[in-house]
C-alpha cells in the first residue's frame, strides 16, 4: 500500500466523520435558542447564536435569511453556507399552527 492510498483512505474516513459532526439541520431563526442556532448552523457558535437571539429580541423577527447579516459576526458567507438550513417563519405564524 502506498502512502497516497493510505492517506486517501484516511482522508475519506475523515470526510465522512467530519460531515456527521458539522452543523446542518433546518432551524427557524425566529424561534430557535442560541444553542439550537449554534448546533444547526455552520460557523455559528454559542456566542453568535446568542447574538442572533438578542438581535431578534431587540429588533423583532427576521424577515429573510439575509437579515442575519445585520447581526455582528454574521456575514454573507455564513448565510450562504447555511441557506439550505435557515427557515424564516414569524413566531406569530408558527404559534397559529
Protein backbone atom coordinates (compact mmCIF):
# COMPACT_ATOMS: atom_id res chain seq x y z
CA UNK A 1 0.00 0.00 0.00
CA UNK A 2 1.42 3.36 -0.98
CA UNK A 3 1.26 6.42 1.26
CA UNK A 4 -1.07 8.02 -1.26
CA UNK A 5 -3.53 5.11 -0.97
CA UNK A 6 -3.28 5.15 2.82
CA UNK A 7 -3.83 8.88 3.21
CA UNK A 8 -6.56 8.82 0.57
CA UNK A 9 -8.44 6.29 2.68
CA UNK A 10 -7.85 8.23 5.87
CA UNK A 11 -8.98 11.43 4.14
CA UNK A 12 -12.21 9.79 3.02
CA UNK A 13 -12.81 8.49 6.54
CA UNK A 14 -12.17 11.95 7.99
CA UNK A 15 -14.56 13.50 5.47
CA UNK A 16 -17.34 11.09 6.45
CA UNK A 17 -16.65 11.61 10.15
CA UNK A 18 -16.45 15.39 9.93
CA UNK A 19 -19.66 15.69 7.94
CA UNK A 20 -21.55 13.98 10.73
CA UNK A 21 -20.10 16.36 13.32
CA UNK A 22 -20.61 19.58 11.37
CA UNK A 23 -23.82 21.54 11.76
CA UNK A 24 -26.55 21.20 9.20
CA UNK A 25 -30.21 20.81 10.07
CA UNK A 26 -33.10 23.17 9.46
CA UNK A 27 -33.84 25.78 12.07
CA UNK A 28 -36.31 28.66 12.32
CA UNK A 29 -34.14 31.69 13.07
CA UNK A 30 -37.15 33.45 14.62
CA UNK A 31 -37.79 30.90 17.35
CA UNK A 32 -34.59 28.90 17.91
CA UNK A 33 -32.50 29.33 21.03
CA UNK A 34 -28.88 30.39 20.81
CA UNK A 35 -27.78 26.80 21.45
CA UNK A 36 -30.07 25.48 18.70
CA UNK A 37 -28.71 28.03 16.24
CA UNK A 38 -25.14 27.10 17.18
CA UNK A 39 -25.89 23.40 16.68
CA UNK A 40 -27.72 23.83 13.38
CA UNK A 41 -25.68 26.45 11.54
CA UNK A 42 -22.12 26.01 10.34
CA UNK A 43 -19.89 28.85 11.51
CA UNK A 44 -22.27 29.92 14.27
CA UNK A 45 -21.04 29.12 17.76
CA UNK A 46 -22.62 29.77 21.13
CA UNK A 47 -21.72 33.48 21.17
CA UNK A 48 -23.05 34.20 17.68
CA UNK A 49 -26.13 32.09 18.35
CA UNK A 50 -26.85 34.17 21.43
CA UNK A 51 -26.16 37.37 19.46
CA UNK A 52 -28.81 36.30 16.93
CA UNK A 53 -31.34 35.75 19.73
CA UNK A 54 -30.53 39.11 21.35
CA UNK A 55 -30.82 40.91 17.99
CA UNK A 56 -34.18 39.23 17.36
CA UNK A 57 -35.45 40.16 20.83
CA UNK A 58 -34.38 43.79 20.31
CA UNK A 59 -35.50 44.35 16.71
CA UNK A 60 -38.17 41.70 16.12
CA UNK A 61 -38.44 38.74 13.78
CA UNK A 62 -36.09 38.35 10.85
CA UNK A 63 -37.83 38.84 7.52
CA UNK A 64 -35.23 36.96 5.46
CA UNK A 65 -32.11 34.85 5.82
CA UNK A 66 -30.09 37.80 4.52
CA UNK A 67 -31.25 39.88 7.51
CA UNK A 68 -28.92 37.76 9.65
CA UNK A 69 -26.04 39.81 8.23
CA UNK A 70 -27.21 42.68 10.45
CA UNK A 71 -26.02 40.66 13.45
CA UNK A 72 -22.41 41.41 14.35
CA UNK A 73 -20.22 38.48 13.32
CA UNK A 74 -22.65 37.02 10.77
CA UNK A 75 -21.60 37.70 7.20
CA UNK A 76 -22.87 36.91 3.75
CA UNK A 77 -20.63 33.82 3.52
CA UNK A 78 -22.11 32.36 6.70
CA UNK A 79 -25.64 32.93 5.41
CA UNK A 80 -24.82 31.42 2.00
CA UNK A 81 -23.15 28.38 3.58
CA UNK A 82 -26.29 27.75 5.67
CA UNK A 83 -29.00 28.88 3.25
CA UNK A 84 -30.49 25.37 2.94
CA UNK A 85 -30.90 25.14 6.72
CA UNK A 86 -32.28 28.59 7.52
CA UNK A 87 -36.05 28.76 7.92
CA UNK A 88 -37.72 32.16 8.31
CA UNK A 89 -41.19 31.83 9.83
CA UNK A 90 -42.52 34.65 12.01
CA UNK A 91 -43.17 33.46 15.55
CA UNK A 92 -46.82 34.58 15.37
CA UNK A 93 -47.35 32.42 12.26
CA UNK A 94 -45.69 29.47 13.95
CA UNK A 95 -47.94 29.84 17.03
CA UNK A 96 -51.06 29.77 14.86
CA UNK A 97 -50.35 26.26 13.53
